[in-house]
Amino acid sequence: MTILRSSDCYMIDVFELGGQYYMTVTTGGVGQYDVTIALTKAETDSFAEDENKAIAFSIDVVTRTWAYEDRLVRPSSIRSNF
């Protein structure tokens, strides 16, 4: 896994794993949880160039998670060699 962009203030990570690109963002109120969505290469490149684009996208994911349902990644679908 390679972290390509990270923001502690907005609790987001953009990373590459096995040739695929993902964003994980922390959401919730009292109970917090992570949401991971698949990204395109173009989105990933855009976020690497401009942190504000990554932040704006992550805010949209948090506020409209339902709109990203088809890109939502279940933890068991990410395979790694840890």
PDB file of N, CA and C in Angstrom:
ATOM      1  N   MET A   1       0.851  -1.173   0.000  1.00  0.00           N
ATOM      2  CA  MET A   1       0.000   0.000   0.000  1.00  0.00           C
ATOM      3  C   MET A   1       0.893   1.231   0.000  1.00  0.00           C
ATOM      4  N   THR A   2       0.536   2.180  -0.860  1.00  0.00           N
ATOM      5  CA  THR A   2       1.256   3.438  -0.957  1.00  0.00           C
ATOM      6  C   THR A   2       0.286   4.583  -0.707  1.00  0.00           C
ATOM      7  N   ILE A   3       0.550   5.390   0.317  1.00  0.00           N
ATOM      8  CA  ILE A   3      -0.271   6.559   0.607  1.00  0.00           C
ATOM      9  C   ILE A   3       0.134   7.656  -0.369  1.00  0.00           C
ATOM     10  N   LEU A   4      -0.833   8.181  -1.122  1.00  0.00           N
ATOM     11  CA  LEU A   4      -0.565   9.207  -2.125  1.00  0.00           C
ATOM     12  C   LEU A   4      -0.926  10.601  -1.636  1.00  0.00           C
ATOM     13  N   ARG A   5      -1.882  10.690  -0.742  1.00  0.00           N
ATOM     14  CA  ARG A   5      -2.300  11.972  -0.156  1.00  0.00           C
ATOM     15  C   ARG A   5      -2.935  11.662   1.178  1.00  0.00           C
ATOM     16  N   SER A   6      -2.633  12.493   2.177  1.00  0.00           N
ATOM     17  CA  SER A   6      -3.191  12.285   3.496  1.00  0.00           C
ATOM     18  C   SER A   6      -3.454  13.638   4.135  1.00  0.00           C
ATOM     19  N   SER A   7      -4.532  13.739   4.893  1.00  0.00           N
ATOM     20  CA  SER A   7      -4.851  14.956   5.625  1.00  0.00           C
ATOM     21  C   SER A   7      -5.375  14.572   6.994  1.00  0.00           C
ATOM     22  N   ASP A   8      -4.607  14.896   8.011  1.00  0.00           N
ATOM     23  CA  ASP A   8      -5.038  14.594   9.371  1.00  0.00           C
ATOM     24  C   ASP A   8      -6.226  15.453   9.782  1.00  0.00           C
ATOM     25  N   CYS A   9      -6.250  16.710   9.349  1.00  0.00           N
ATOM     26  CA  CYS A   9      -7.352  17.614   9.720  1.00  0.00           C
ATOM     27  C   CYS A   9      -8.690  17.135   9.181  1.00  0.00           C
ATOM     28  N   TYR A  10      -8.699  16.613   7.963  1.00  0.00           N
ATOM     29  CA  TYR A  10      -9.941  16.166   7.335  1.00  0.00           C
ATOM     30  C   TYR A  10     -10.103  14.644   7.386  1.00  0.00           C
ATOM     31  N   MET A  11      -9.154  13.975   7.997  1.00  0.00           N
ATOM     32  CA  MET A  11      -9.189  12.532   8.200  1.00  0.00           C
ATOM     33  C   MET A  11      -9.426  11.779   6.895  1.00  0.00           C
ATOM     34  N   ILE A  12      -8.576  12.047   5.899  1.00  0.00           N
ATOM     35  CA  ILE A  12      -8.658  11.347   4.622  1.00  0.00           C
ATOM     36  C   ILE A  12      -7.306  10.754   4.250  1.00  0.00           C
ATOM     37  N   ASP A  13      -7.358   9.656   3.553  1.00  0.00           N
ATOM     38  CA  ASP A  13      -6.178   9.035   2.960  1.00  0.00           C
ATOM     39  C   ASP A  13      -6.532   8.621   1.546  1.00  0.00           C
ATOM     40  N   VAL A  14      -5.667   8.958   0.605  1.00  0.00           N
ATOM     41  CA  VAL A  14      -5.776   8.487  -0.769  1.00  0.00           C
ATOM     42  C   VAL A  14      -4.611   7.529  -0.955  1.00  0.00           C
ATOM     43  N   PHE A  15      -4.893   6.320  -1.412  1.00  0.00           N
ATOM     44  CA  PHE A  15      -3.823   5.336  -1.493  1.00  0.00           C
ATOM     45  C   PHE A  15      -4.001   4.409  -2.681  1.00  0.00           C
ATOM     46  N   GLU A  16      -2.898   3.747  -3.009  1.00  0.00           N
ATOM     47  CA  GLU A  16      -2.863   2.748  -4.080  1.00  0.00           C
ATOM     48  C   GLU A  16      -2.567   1.408  -3.434  1.00  0.00           C
ATOM     49  N   LEU A  17      -3.285   0.397  -3.865  1.00  0.00           N
ATOM     50  CA  LEU A  17      -3.067  -0.956  -3.363  1.00  0.00           C
ATOM     51  C   LEU A  17      -3.360  -1.928  -4.491  1.00  0.00           C
ATOM     52  N   GLY A  18      -2.365  -2.664  -4.892  1.00  0.00           N
ATOM     53  CA  GLY A  18      -2.539  -3.663  -5.939  1.00  0.00           C
ATOM     54  C   GLY A  18      -2.955  -3.082  -7.281  1.00  0.00           C
ATOM     55  N   GLY A  19      -2.489  -1.879  -7.577  1.00  0.00           N
ATOM     56  CA  GLY A  19      -2.814  -1.252  -8.850  1.00  0.00           C
ATOM     57  C   GLY A  19      -4.170  -0.564  -8.886  1.00  0.00           C
ATOM     58  N   GLN A  20      -4.879  -0.546  -7.770  1.00  0.00           N
ATOM     59  CA  GLN A  20      -6.178   0.129  -7.658  1.00  0.00           C
ATOM     60  C   GLN A  20      -6.022   1.329  -6.735  1.00  0.00           C
ATOM     61  N   TYR A  21      -6.893   2.318  -6.906  1.00  0.00           N
ATOM     62  CA  TYR A  21      -6.809   3.554  -6.137  1.00  0.00           C
ATOM     63  C   TYR A  21      -8.050   3.712  -5.268  1.00  0.00           C
ATOM     64  N   TYR A  22      -7.837   4.216  -4.049  1.00  0.00           N
ATOM     65  CA  TYR A  22      -8.911   4.324  -3.071  1.00  0.00           C
ATOM     66  C   TYR A  22      -8.792   5.602  -2.261  1.00  0.00           C
ATOM     67  N   MET A  23      -9.924   6.013  -1.679  1.00  0.00           N
ATOM     68  CA  MET A  23      -9.937   7.073  -0.682  1.00  0.00           C
ATOM     69  C   MET A  23     -10.682   6.539   0.526  1.00  0.00           C
ATOM     70  N   THR A  24     -10.087   6.724   1.685  1.00  0.00           N
ATOM     71  CA  THR A  24     -10.757   6.415   2.941  1.00  0.00           C
ATOM     72  C   THR A  24     -10.961   7.723   3.675  1.00  0.00           C
ATOM     73  N   VAL A  25     -12.181   7.950   4.113  1.00  0.00           N
ATOM     74  CA  VAL A  25     -12.528   9.161   4.855  1.00  0.00           C
ATOM     75  C   VAL A  25     -13.277   8.752   6.112  1.00  0.00           C
ATOM     76  N   THR A  26     -12.976   9.412   7.208  1.00  0.00           N
ATOM     77  CA  THR A  26     -13.651   9.139   8.470  1.00  0.00           C
ATOM     78  C   THR A  26     -14.896  10.012   8.552  1.00  0.00           C
ATOM     79  N   THR A  27     -16.002   9.415   8.943  1.00  0.00           N
ATOM     80  CA  THR A  27     -17.271  10.127   9.014  1.00  0.00           C
ATOM     81  C   THR A  27     -18.009   9.723  10.283  1.00  0.00           C
ATOM     82  N   GLY A  28     -19.109  10.359  10.537  1.00  0.00           N
ATOM     83  CA  GLY A  28     -19.916  10.037  11.706  1.00  0.00           C
ATOM     84  C   GLY A  28     -19.887  11.154  12.727  1.00  0.00           C
ATOM     85  N   GLY A  29     -20.667  10.993  13.749  1.00  0.00           N
ATOM     86  CA  GLY A  29     -20.733  11.975  14.822  1.00  0.00           C
ATOM     87  C   GLY A  29     -20.122  11.393  16.079  1.00  0.00           C
ATOM     88  N   VAL A  30     -20.964  10.985  16.998  1.00  0.00           N
ATOM     89  CA  VAL A  30     -20.479  10.377  18.232  1.00  0.00           C
ATOM     90  C   VAL A  30     -19.745   9.078  17.923  1.00  0.00           C
ATOM     91  N   GLY A  31     -20.321   8.285  17.053  1.00  0.00           N
ATOM     92  CA  GLY A  31     -19.659   7.065  16.589  1.00  0.00           C
ATOM     93  C   GLY A  31     -19.025   7.338  15.240  1.00  0.00           C
ATOM     94  N   GLN A  32     -17.721   7.193  15.145  1.00  0.00           N
ATOM     95  CA  GLN A  32     -17.042   7.454  13.882  1.00  0.00           C
ATOM     96  C   GLN A  32     -16.684   6.152  13.192  1.00  0.00           C
ATOM     97  N   TYR A  33     -16.700   6.178  11.875  1.00  0.00           N
ATOM     98  CA  TYR A  33     -16.351   5.006  11.092  1.00  0.00           C
ATOM     99  C   TYR A  33     -15.726   5.455   9.782  1.00  0.00           C
ATOM    100  N   ASP A  34     -15.026   4.551   9.131  1.00  0.00           N
ATOM    101  CA  ASP A  34     -14.360   4.848   7.866  1.00  0.00           C
ATOM    102  C   ASP A  34     -15.222   4.402   6.697  1.00  0.00           C
ATOM    103  N   VAL A  35     -15.186   5.200   5.641  1.00  0.00           N
ATOM    104  CA  VAL A  35     -15.814   4.872   4.370  1.00  0.00           C
ATOM    105  C   VAL A  35     -14.695   4.854   3.339  1.00  0.00           C
ATOM    106  N   THR A  36     -14.609   3.770   2.572  1.00  0.00           N
ATOM    107  CA  THR A  36     -13.599   3.660   1.525  1.00  0.00           C
ATOM    108  C   THR A  36     -14.301   3.513   0.192  1.00  0.00           C
ATOM    109  N   ILE A  37     -13.868   4.344  -0.776  1.00  0.00           N
ATOM    110  CA  ILE A  37     -14.423   4.255  -2.120  1.00  0.00           C
ATOM    111  C   ILE A  37     -13.294   4.077  -3.121  1.00  0.00           C
ATOM    112  N   ALA A  38     -13.624   3.456  -4.233  1.00  0.00           N
ATOM    113  CA  ALA A  38     -12.663   3.283  -5.323  1.00  0.00           C
ATOM    114  C   ALA A  38     -12.556   4.594  -6.094  1.00  0.00           C
ATOM    115  N   LEU A  39     -11.353   4.901  -6.535  1.00  0.00           N
ATOM    116  CA  LEU A  39     -11.097   6.105  -7.320  1.00  0.00           C
ATOM    117  C   LEU A  39     -10.589   5.731  -8.702  1.00  0.00           C
ATOM    118  N   THR A  40     -10.740   6.658  -9.621  1.00  0.00           N
ATOM    119  CA  THR A  40     -10.120   6.496 -10.935  1.00  0.00           C
ATOM    120  C   THR A  40      -8.702   7.046 -10.868  1.00  0.00           C
ATOM    121  N   LYS A  41      -7.896   6.687 -11.826  1.00  0.00           N
ATOM    122  CA  LYS A  41      -6.525   7.209 -11.900  1.00  0.00           C
ATOM    123  C   LYS A  41      -6.553   8.732 -12.047  1.00  0.00           C
ATOM    124  N   ALA A  42      -7.475   9.250 -12.852  1.00  0.00           N
ATOM    125  CA  ALA A  42      -7.579  10.699 -13.065  1.00  0.00           C
ATOM    126  C   ALA A  42      -7.912  11.426 -11.760  1.00  0.00           C
ATOM    127  N   GLU A  43      -8.845  10.873 -10.981  1.00  0.00           N
ATOM    128  CA  GLU A  43      -9.174  11.479  -9.681  1.00  0.00           C
ATOM    129  C   GLU A  43      -7.960  11.472  -8.770  1.00  0.00           C
ATOM    130  N   THR A  44      -7.272  10.343  -8.722  1.00  0.00           N
ATOM    131  CA  THR A  44      -6.096  10.214  -7.872  1.00  0.00           C
ATOM    132  C   THR A  44      -5.026  11.229  -8.257  1.00  0.00           C
ATOM    133  N   ASP A  45      -4.767  11.369  -9.548  1.00  0.00           N
ATOM    134  CA  ASP A  45      -3.778  12.349 -10.022  1.00  0.00           C
ATOM    135  C   ASP A  45      -4.191  13.764  -9.643  1.00  0.00           C
ATOM    136  N   SER A  46      -5.475  14.059  -9.784  1.00  0.00           N
ATOM    137  CA  SER A  46      -5.999  15.374  -9.441  1.00  0.00           C
ATOM    138  C   SER A  46      -5.800  15.676  -7.958  1.00  0.00           C
ATOM    139  N   PHE A  47      -6.073  14.691  -7.115  1.00  0.00           N
ATOM    140  CA  PHE A  47      -5.920  14.874  -5.673  1.00  0.00           C
ATOM    141  C   PHE A  47      -4.461  15.019  -5.274  1.00  0.00           C
ATOM    142  N   ALA A  48      -3.577  14.328  -5.982  1.00  0.00           N
ATOM    143  CA  ALA A  48      -2.146  14.431  -5.692  1.00  0.00           C
ATOM    144  C   ALA A  48      -1.628  15.831  -6.002  1.00  0.00           C
ATOM    145  N   GLU A  49      -2.199  16.462  -7.029  1.00  0.00           N
ATOM    146  CA  GLU A  49      -1.777  17.802  -7.437  1.00  0.00           C
ATOM    147  C   GLU A  49      -2.367  18.895  -6.548  1.00  0.00           C
ATOM    148  N   ASP A  50      -3.593  18.703  -6.046  1.00  0.00           N
ATOM    149  CA  ASP A  50      -4.298  19.755  -5.329  1.00  0.00           C
ATOM    150  C   ASP A  50      -5.055  19.182  -4.134  1.00  0.00           C
ATOM    151  N   GLU A  51      -4.551  19.440  -2.950  1.00  0.00           N
ATOM    152  CA  GLU A  51      -5.174  18.925  -1.736  1.00  0.00           C
ATOM    153  C   GLU A  51      -6.616  19.415  -1.587  1.00  0.00           C
ATOM    154  N   ASN A  52      -6.908  20.632  -2.046  1.00  0.00           N
ATOM    155  CA  ASN A  52      -8.264  21.169  -1.922  1.00  0.00           C
ATOM    156  C   ASN A  52      -9.280  20.337  -2.691  1.00  0.00           C
ATOM    157  N   LYS A  53      -8.879  19.766  -3.824  1.00  0.00           N
ATOM    158  CA  LYS A  53      -9.779  18.892  -4.584  1.00  0.00           C
ATOM    159  C   LYS A  53     -10.075  17.619  -3.797  1.00  0.00           C
ATOM    160  N   ALA A  54      -9.058  17.090  -3.143  1.00  0.00           N
ATOM    161  CA  ALA A  54      -9.245  15.889  -2.320  1.00  0.00           C
ATOM    162  C   ALA A  54     -10.168  16.184  -1.148  1.00  0.00           C
ATOM    163  N   ILE A  55      -9.998  17.334  -0.526  1.00  0.00           N
ATOM    164  CA  ILE A  55     -10.834  17.717   0.609  1.00  0.00           C
ATOM    165  C   ILE A  55     -12.284  17.909   0.166  1.00  0.00           C
ATOM    166  N   ALA A  56     -12.491  18.636  -0.928  1.00  0.00           N
ATOM    167  CA  ALA A  56     -13.853  18.865  -1.430  1.00  0.00           C
ATOM    168  C   ALA A  56     -14.532  17.545  -1.783  1.00  0.00           C
ATOM    169  N   PHE A  57     -13.798  16.652  -2.413  1.00  0.00           N
ATOM    170  CA  PHE A  57     -14.354  15.341  -2.777  1.00  0.00           C
ATOM    171  C   PHE A  57     -14.703  14.549  -1.529  1.00  0.00           C
ATOM    172  N   SER A  58     -13.829  14.561  -0.537  1.00  0.00           N
ATOM    173  CA  SER A  58     -14.096  13.802   0.691  1.00  0.00           C
ATOM    174  C   SER A  58     -15.314  14.343   1.429  1.00  0.00           C
ATOM    175  N   ILE A  59     -15.502  15.652   1.416  1.00  0.00           N
ATOM    176  CA  ILE A  59     -16.687  16.246   2.049  1.00  0.00           C
ATOM    177  C   ILE A  59     -17.946  15.787   1.327  1.00  0.00           C
ATOM    178  N   ASP A  60     -17.876  15.714   0.002  1.00  0.00           N
ATOM    179  CA  ASP A  60     -19.024  15.225  -0.765  1.00  0.00           C
ATOM    180  C   ASP A  60     -19.317  13.767  -0.438  1.00  0.00           C
ATOM    181  N   VAL A  61     -18.282  12.967  -0.293  1.00  0.00           N
ATOM    182  CA  VAL A  61     -18.460  11.554   0.060  1.00  0.00           C
ATOM    183  C   VAL A  61     -19.140  11.433   1.425  1.00  0.00           C
ATOM    184  N   VAL A  62     -18.704  12.251   2.377  1.00  0.00           N
ATOM    185  CA  VAL A  62     -19.274  12.191   3.727  1.00  0.00           C
ATOM    186  C   VAL A  62     -20.727  12.645   3.732  1.00  0.00           C
ATOM    187  N   THR A  63     -21.037  13.706   3.000  1.00  0.00           N
ATOM    188  CA  THR A  63     -22.398  14.253   3.049  1.00  0.00           C
ATOM    189  C   THR A  63     -23.365  13.541   2.105  1.00  0.00           C
ATOM    190  N   ARG A  64     -22.836  12.884   1.070  1.00  0.00           N
ATOM    191  CA  ARG A  64     -23.691  12.190   0.109  1.00  0.00           C
ATOM    192  C   ARG A  64     -23.183  10.769  -0.137  1.00  0.00           C
ATOM    193  N   THR A  65     -22.928  10.042   0.909  1.00  0.00           N
ATOM    194  CA  THR A  65     -22.380   8.688   0.783  1.00  0.00           C
ATOM    195  C   THR A  65     -23.221   7.824  -0.147  1.00  0.00           C
ATOM    196  N   TRP A  66     -24.523   7.992  -0.114  1.00  0.00           N
ATOM    197  CA  TRP A  66     -25.425   7.215  -0.972  1.00  0.00           C
ATOM    198  C   TRP A  66     -25.084   7.375  -2.452  1.00  0.00           C
ATOM    199  N   ALA A  67     -24.548   8.532  -2.842  1.00  0.00           N
ATOM    200  CA  ALA A  67     -24.229   8.783  -4.251  1.00  0.00           C
ATOM    201  C   ALA A  67     -23.017   7.980  -4.721  1.00  0.00           C
ATOM    202  N   TYR A  68     -22.255   7.446  -3.790  1.00  0.00           N
ATOM    203  CA  TYR A  68     -21.046   6.680  -4.108  1.00  0.00           C
ATOM    204  C   TYR A  68     -21.223   5.194  -3.822  1.00  0.00           C
ATOM    205  N   GLU A  69     -22.443   4.762  -3.642  1.00  0.00           N
ATOM    206  CA  GLU A  69     -22.727   3.369  -3.288  1.00  0.00           C
ATOM    207  C   GLU A  69     -22.085   2.379  -4.251  1.00  0.00           C
ATOM    208  N   ASP A  70     -22.087   2.703  -5.541  1.00  0.00           N
ATOM    209  CA  ASP A  70     -21.514   1.780  -6.529  1.00  0.00           C
ATOM    210  C   ASP A  70     -19.990   1.731  -6.471  1.00  0.00           C
ATOM    211  N   ARG A  71     -19.379   2.678  -5.773  1.00  0.00           N
ATOM    212  CA  ARG A  71     -17.915   2.718  -5.638  1.00  0.00           C
ATOM    213  C   ARG A  71     -17.450   2.344  -4.237  1.00  0.00           C
ATOM    214  N   LEU A  72     -18.398   2.056  -3.367  1.00  0.00           N
ATOM    215  CA  LEU A  72     -18.086   1.716  -1.986  1.00  0.00           C
ATOM    216  C   LEU A  72     -17.319   0.407  -1.923  1.00  0.00           C
ATOM    217  N   VAL A  73     -16.275   0.392  -1.136  1.00  0.00           N
ATOM    218  CA  VAL A  73     -15.428  -0.786  -1.012  1.00  0.00           C
ATOM    219  C   VAL A  73     -15.690  -1.432   0.342  1.00  0.00           C
ATOM    220  N   ARG A  74     -16.016  -2.686   0.305  1.00  0.00           N
ATOM    221  CA  ARG A  74     -16.188  -3.449   1.532  1.00  0.00           C
ATOM    222  C   ARG A  74     -14.797  -3.911   1.980  1.00  0.00           C
ATOM    223  N   PRO A  75     -14.525  -3.910   3.269  1.00  0.00           N
ATOM    224  CA  PRO A  75     -13.185  -4.286   3.727  1.00  0.00           C
ATOM    225  C   PRO A  75     -12.695  -5.630   3.199  1.00  0.00           C
ATOM    226  N   SER A  76     -13.575  -6.579   3.047  1.00  0.00           N
ATOM    227  CA  SER A  76     -13.149  -7.902   2.592  1.00  0.00           C
ATOM    228  C   SER A  76     -12.769  -7.920   1.114  1.00  0.00           C
ATOM    229  N   SER A  77     -13.111  -6.867   0.373  1.00  0.00           N
ATOM    230  CA  SER A  77     -12.795  -6.863  -1.054  1.00  0.00           C
ATOM    231  C   SER A  77     -11.401  -6.312  -1.345  1.00  0.00           C
ATOM    232  N   ILE A  78     -10.741  -5.738  -0.335  1.00  0.00           N
ATOM    233  CA  ILE A  78      -9.374  -5.257  -0.505  1.00  0.00           C
ATOM    234  C   ILE A  78      -8.439  -6.356  -0.034  1.00  0.00           C
ATOM    235  N   ARG A  79      -7.644  -6.851  -0.934  1.00  0.00           N
ATOM    236  CA  ARG A  79      -6.689  -7.912  -0.601  1.00  0.00           C
ATOM    237  C   ARG A  79      -5.301  -7.287  -0.417  1.00  0.00           C
ATOM    238  N   SER A  80      -4.604  -7.724   0.589  1.00  0.00           N
ATOM    239  CA  SER A  80      -3.247  -7.201   0.806  1.00  0.00           C
ATOM    240  C   SER A  80      -2.337  -8.325   1.276  1.00  0.00           C
ATOM    241  N   ASN A  81      -1.082  -8.049   1.255  1.00  0.00           N
ATOM    242  CA  ASN A  81      -0.070  -9.027   1.671  1.00  0.00           C
ATOM    243  C   ASN A  81       0.615  -8.576   2.945  1.00  0.00           C
ATOM    244  N   PHE A  82      -0.166  -8.278   3.966  1.00  0.00           N
ATOM    245  CA  PHE A  82       0.431  -7.826   5.230  1.00  0.00           C
ATOM    246  C   PHE A  82       1.006  -8.987   5.989  1.00  0.00           C
TER     247      PHE A  82
END
